Amino acid sequence: MLISHGGRFFQTVTRPLASDASEREITGWCRTILTALDLGRFEQARAAIFPMARSSGSRSHAHLRPSRACCLLDEPAAGLNHVERIEFGNLVKRIRHEFELTVLLVEHQMGLVMGLCSRLLVLHLGQLLAEGTPAEISANPAVITAYLGEAA
């Protein structure tokens, strides 16, 4: 789902013309992305009717805006099989490159995370446990103990 209200409810109500122009700009930007991803035909479709590989991306909380250029993905790989996760990872890389987006990913599928991210912040029980590159994170003893498991 592409969400683009920008958190400006008061401005929308008090300045509708400016809000309309901003909404048109945001809608155009979102349509550009949908078209580039060959998803334009789904613009008006309800997310519930998408096949799993497509609906996973729509279930994610994605905020795409030209002025902020950030894509927020909250557990987008939930329910995807291995092949779909690889395809999804390639799609995210493509979006990141073509639209020059920063991607904020919340995910538990470590293969996807390590393959997509150049910098990781690892939280444990709401506290920052570690930060660094995928190589640094995968070698961090605290992360291994908390999430990756000890080698047998």
C-alpha atoms as a PDB file:
ATOM      1  CA  MET A   1       0.000   0.000   0.000  1.00  0.00           C
ATOM      2  CA  LEU A   2       1.415   3.371  -0.888  1.00  0.00           C
ATOM      3  CA  ILE A   3       0.618   5.853   1.867  1.00  0.00           C
ATOM      4  CA  SER A   4       1.285   9.503   1.290  1.00  0.00           C
ATOM      5  CA  HIS A   5      -0.713  11.888   3.442  1.00  0.00           C
ATOM      6  CA  GLY A   6       2.459  13.152   5.082  1.00  0.00           C
ATOM      7  CA  GLY A   7       0.763  13.641   8.462  1.00  0.00           C
ATOM      8  CA  ARG A   8      -0.652  17.050   7.576  1.00  0.00           C
ATOM      9  CA  PHE A   9      -4.315  16.680   8.513  1.00  0.00           C
ATOM     10  CA  PHE A  10      -4.676  20.263   9.796  1.00  0.00           C
ATOM     11  CA  GLN A  11      -3.078  21.757   6.679  1.00  0.00           C
ATOM     12  CA  THR A  12      -5.296  19.606   4.484  1.00  0.00           C
ATOM     13  CA  VAL A  13      -8.419  20.946   6.162  1.00  0.00           C
ATOM     14  CA  THR A  14      -7.341  24.587   6.353  1.00  0.00           C
ATOM     15  CA  ARG A  15      -5.541  24.875   3.000  1.00  0.00           C
ATOM     16  CA  PRO A  16      -7.314  22.532   0.571  1.00  0.00           C
ATOM     17  CA  LEU A  17      -5.818  23.983  -2.638  1.00  0.00           C
ATOM     18  CA  ALA A  18      -2.251  23.523  -1.465  1.00  0.00           C
ATOM     19  CA  SER A  19      -3.153  20.082  -0.167  1.00  0.00           C
ATOM     20  CA  ASP A  20      -4.745  19.174  -3.507  1.00  0.00           C
ATOM     21  CA  ALA A  21      -1.573  20.151  -5.369  1.00  0.00           C
ATOM     22  CA  SER A  22       0.559  18.173  -2.931  1.00  0.00           C
ATOM     23  CA  GLU A  23      -1.772  15.177  -3.219  1.00  0.00           C
ATOM     24  CA  ARG A  24      -1.572  15.306  -7.034  1.00  0.00           C
ATOM     25  CA  GLU A  25       2.235  15.363  -6.858  1.00  0.00           C
ATOM     26  CA  ILE A  26       2.319  12.423  -4.449  1.00  0.00           C
ATOM     27  CA  THR A  27      -0.257  10.463  -6.454  1.00  0.00           C
ATOM     28  CA  GLY A  28       1.764  11.037  -9.626  1.00  0.00           C
ATOM     29  CA  TRP A  29       4.922   9.823  -7.892  1.00  0.00           C
ATOM     30  CA  CYS A  30       3.161   6.679  -6.648  1.00  0.00           C
ATOM     31  CA  ARG A  31       1.731   5.988 -10.118  1.00  0.00           C
ATOM     32  CA  THR A  32       5.228   6.307 -11.591  1.00  0.00           C
ATOM     33  CA  ILE A  33       6.471   3.649  -9.195  1.00  0.00           C
ATOM     34  CA  LEU A  34       3.499   1.353  -9.843  1.00  0.00           C
ATOM     35  CA  THR A  35       4.003   1.684 -13.597  1.00  0.00           C
ATOM     36  CA  ALA A  36       7.754   1.039 -13.353  1.00  0.00           C
ATOM     37  CA  LEU A  37       7.050  -2.114 -11.362  1.00  0.00           C
ATOM     38  CA  ASP A  38       4.372  -3.233 -13.817  1.00  0.00           C
ATOM     39  CA  LEU A  39       1.746  -2.902 -11.080  1.00  0.00           C
ATOM     40  CA  GLY A  40      -0.289  -0.063 -12.597  1.00  0.00           C
ATOM     41  CA  ARG A  41      -3.239  -2.349 -13.253  1.00  0.00           C
ATOM     42  CA  PHE A  42      -3.550  -2.874  -9.495  1.00  0.00           C
ATOM     43  CA  GLU A  43      -3.774   0.833  -8.623  1.00  0.00           C
ATOM     44  CA  GLN A  44      -7.463   0.671  -7.689  1.00  0.00           C
ATOM     45  CA  ALA A  45      -7.488  -2.951  -6.515  1.00  0.00           C
ATOM     46  CA  ARG A  46      -7.992  -3.978  -2.918  1.00  0.00           C
ATOM     47  CA  ALA A  47      -4.856  -5.501  -1.410  1.00  0.00           C
ATOM     48  CA  ALA A  48      -6.824  -8.567  -0.260  1.00  0.00           C
ATOM     49  CA  ILE A  49      -7.234  -9.781  -3.871  1.00  0.00           C
ATOM     50  CA  PHE A  50      -3.512  -9.816  -4.725  1.00  0.00           C
ATOM     51  CA  PRO A  51      -1.607 -13.065  -5.039  1.00  0.00           C
ATOM     52  CA  MET A  52       0.728 -13.608  -2.067  1.00  0.00           C
ATOM     53  CA  ALA A  53       3.884 -12.421  -3.848  1.00  0.00           C
ATOM     54  CA  ARG A  54       2.222  -9.130  -4.740  1.00  0.00           C
ATOM     55  CA  SER A  55       0.154  -8.655  -1.595  1.00  0.00           C
ATOM     56  CA  SER A  56       3.156  -8.988   0.682  1.00  0.00           C
ATOM     57  CA  GLY A  57       4.538  -5.748  -0.718  1.00  0.00           C
ATOM     58  CA  SER A  58       1.169  -4.070  -0.394  1.00  0.00           C
ATOM     59  CA  ARG A  59       0.793  -5.204   3.229  1.00  0.00           C
ATOM     60  CA  SER A  60       4.045  -3.493   4.025  1.00  0.00           C
ATOM     61  CA  HIS A  61       3.873   0.012   5.276  1.00  0.00           C
ATOM     62  CA  ALA A  62       5.513   1.866   2.445  1.00  0.00           C
ATOM     63  CA  HIS A  63       5.806   5.622   2.514  1.00  0.00           C
ATOM     64  CA  LEU A  64       7.168   6.855  -0.787  1.00  0.00           C
ATOM     65  CA  ARG A  65       7.428  10.550  -1.380  1.00  0.00           C
ATOM     66  CA  PRO A  66       9.612  12.521  -3.763  1.00  0.00           C
ATOM     67  CA  SER A  67      10.709  14.998  -1.078  1.00  0.00           C
ATOM     68  CA  ARG A  68      11.552  12.357   1.509  1.00  0.00           C
ATOM     69  CA  ALA A  69      12.547   9.381  -0.653  1.00  0.00           C
ATOM     70  CA  CYS A  70      12.079   6.756   2.040  1.00  0.00           C
ATOM     71  CA  CYS A  71      10.442   3.344   1.843  1.00  0.00           C
ATOM     72  CA  LEU A  72       9.386   1.787   5.153  1.00  0.00           C
ATOM     73  CA  LEU A  73       8.877  -1.970   5.051  1.00  0.00           C
ATOM     74  CA  ASP A  74       7.512  -3.773   8.099  1.00  0.00           C
ATOM     75  CA  GLU A  75       8.114  -7.538   7.859  1.00  0.00           C
ATOM     76  CA  PRO A  76       7.474  -7.688   4.106  1.00  0.00           C
ATOM     77  CA  ALA A  77       8.732 -11.270   3.789  1.00  0.00           C
ATOM     78  CA  ALA A  78       6.188 -12.711   6.233  1.00  0.00           C
ATOM     79  CA  GLY A  79       4.453 -15.579   4.469  1.00  0.00           C
ATOM     80  CA  LEU A  80       6.806 -15.670   1.479  1.00  0.00           C
ATOM     81  CA  ASN A  81       8.617 -18.841   0.525  1.00  0.00           C
ATOM     82  CA  HIS A  82      12.346 -18.926  -0.287  1.00  0.00           C
ATOM     83  CA  VAL A  83      11.932 -18.160  -4.010  1.00  0.00           C
ATOM     84  CA  GLU A  84       9.476 -15.329  -3.304  1.00  0.00           C
ATOM     85  CA  ARG A  85      11.891 -13.836  -0.743  1.00  0.00           C
ATOM     86  CA  ILE A  86      14.662 -13.804  -3.358  1.00  0.00           C
ATOM     87  CA  GLU A  87      12.336 -12.157  -5.894  1.00  0.00           C
ATOM     88  CA  PHE A  88      11.186  -9.660  -3.284  1.00  0.00           C
ATOM     89  CA  GLY A  89      14.796  -8.837  -2.346  1.00  0.00           C
ATOM     90  CA  ASN A  90      15.616  -8.194  -5.997  1.00  0.00           C
ATOM     91  CA  LEU A  91      12.529  -5.978  -6.295  1.00  0.00           C
ATOM     92  CA  VAL A  92      13.559  -3.912  -3.254  1.00  0.00           C
ATOM     93  CA  LYS A  93      17.085  -3.502  -4.675  1.00  0.00           C
ATOM     94  CA  ARG A  94      15.580  -2.343  -7.973  1.00  0.00           C
ATOM     95  CA  ILE A  95      13.241   0.137  -6.280  1.00  0.00           C
ATOM     96  CA  ARG A  96      16.076   1.443  -4.103  1.00  0.00           C
ATOM     97  CA  HIS A  97      18.325   1.973  -7.122  1.00  0.00           C
ATOM     98  CA  GLU A  98      15.811   3.292  -9.679  1.00  0.00           C
ATOM     99  CA  PHE A  99      14.034   5.695  -7.324  1.00  0.00           C
ATOM    100  CA  GLU A 100      17.040   6.571  -5.141  1.00  0.00           C
ATOM    101  CA  LEU A 101      15.175   5.569  -2.003  1.00  0.00           C
ATOM    102  CA  THR A 102      16.363   4.907   1.478  1.00  0.00           C
ATOM    103  CA  VAL A 103      14.807   1.670   2.711  1.00  0.00           C
ATOM    104  CA  LEU A 104      13.989   1.165   6.381  1.00  0.00           C
ATOM    105  CA  LEU A 105      13.398  -2.563   6.830  1.00  0.00           C
ATOM    106  CA  VAL A 106      11.949  -4.297   9.878  1.00  0.00           C
ATOM    107  CA  GLU A 107      12.417  -8.001   9.196  1.00  0.00           C
ATOM    108  CA  HIS A 108      13.227 -11.313  10.865  1.00  0.00           C
ATOM    109  CA  GLN A 109      14.297 -13.214   7.734  1.00  0.00           C
ATOM    110  CA  MET A 110      18.036 -12.858   8.239  1.00  0.00           C
ATOM    111  CA  GLY A 111      19.007 -13.967   4.731  1.00  0.00           C
ATOM    112  CA  LEU A 112      16.890 -11.182   3.268  1.00  0.00           C
ATOM    113  CA  VAL A 113      18.198  -8.634   5.763  1.00  0.00           C
ATOM    114  CA  MET A 114      21.853  -9.529   5.208  1.00  0.00           C
ATOM    115  CA  GLY A 115      21.398  -9.474   1.431  1.00  0.00           C
ATOM    116  CA  LEU A 116      19.599  -6.122   1.290  1.00  0.00           C
ATOM    117  CA  CYS A 117      21.127  -3.969   3.964  1.00  0.00           C
ATOM    118  CA  SER A 118      24.453  -2.189   4.023  1.00  0.00           C
ATOM    119  CA  ARG A 119      23.947  -1.017   7.617  1.00  0.00           C
ATOM    120  CA  LEU A 120      22.027  -2.776  10.365  1.00  0.00           C
ATOM    121  CA  LEU A 121      20.684  -1.778  13.748  1.00  0.00           C
ATOM    122  CA  VAL A 122      19.771  -4.786  15.877  1.00  0.00           C
ATOM    123  CA  LEU A 123      17.267  -4.334  18.678  1.00  0.00           C
ATOM    124  CA  HIS A 124      16.688  -6.769  21.502  1.00  0.00           C
ATOM    125  CA  LEU A 125      13.835  -6.213  23.951  1.00  0.00           C
ATOM    126  CA  GLY A 126      13.504  -2.634  22.703  1.00  0.00           C
ATOM    127  CA  GLN A 127      17.157  -1.765  23.271  1.00  0.00           C
ATOM    128  CA  LEU A 128      19.922  -1.286  20.717  1.00  0.00           C
ATOM    129  CA  LEU A 129      22.026  -4.431  20.835  1.00  0.00           C
ATOM    130  CA  ALA A 130      24.418  -3.779  17.953  1.00  0.00           C
ATOM    131  CA  GLU A 131      24.939  -1.765  14.799  1.00  0.00           C
ATOM    132  CA  GLY A 132      27.207  -2.213  11.815  1.00  0.00           C
ATOM    133  CA  THR A 133      27.647  -3.867   8.456  1.00  0.00           C
ATOM    134  CA  PRO A 134      26.144  -7.310   7.779  1.00  0.00           C
ATOM    135  CA  ALA A 135      29.581  -8.877   8.311  1.00  0.00           C
ATOM    136  CA  GLU A 136      30.027  -7.085  11.646  1.00  0.00           C
ATOM    137  CA  ILE A 137      26.534  -8.027  12.800  1.00  0.00           C
ATOM    138  CA  SER A 138      26.857 -11.681  11.819  1.00  0.00           C
ATOM    139  CA  ALA A 139      30.119 -11.881  13.835  1.00  0.00           C
ATOM    140  CA  ASN A 140      28.819  -9.975  16.874  1.00  0.00           C
ATOM    141  CA  PRO A 141      28.692 -12.361  19.880  1.00  0.00           C
ATOM    142  CA  ALA A 142      25.693 -10.599  21.471  1.00  0.00           C
ATOM    143  CA  VAL A 143      23.683 -10.838  18.231  1.00  0.00           C
ATOM    144  CA  ILE A 144      24.664 -14.475  17.749  1.00  0.00           C
ATOM    145  CA  THR A 145      23.511 -15.327  21.259  1.00  0.00           C
ATOM    146  CA  ALA A 146      20.255 -13.383  20.992  1.00  0.00           C
ATOM    147  CA  TYR A 147      19.187 -14.158  17.418  1.00  0.00           C
ATOM    148  CA  LEU A 148      21.417 -16.279  15.275  1.00  0.00           C
ATOM    149  CA  GLY A 149      22.190 -19.121  17.663  1.00  0.00           C
ATOM    150  CA  GLU A 150      25.466 -20.708  18.618  1.00  0.00           C
ATOM    151  CA  ALA A 151      27.242 -22.950  16.106  1.00  0.00           C
ATOM    152  CA  ALA A 152      26.840 -26.637  16.866  1.00  0.00           C
END
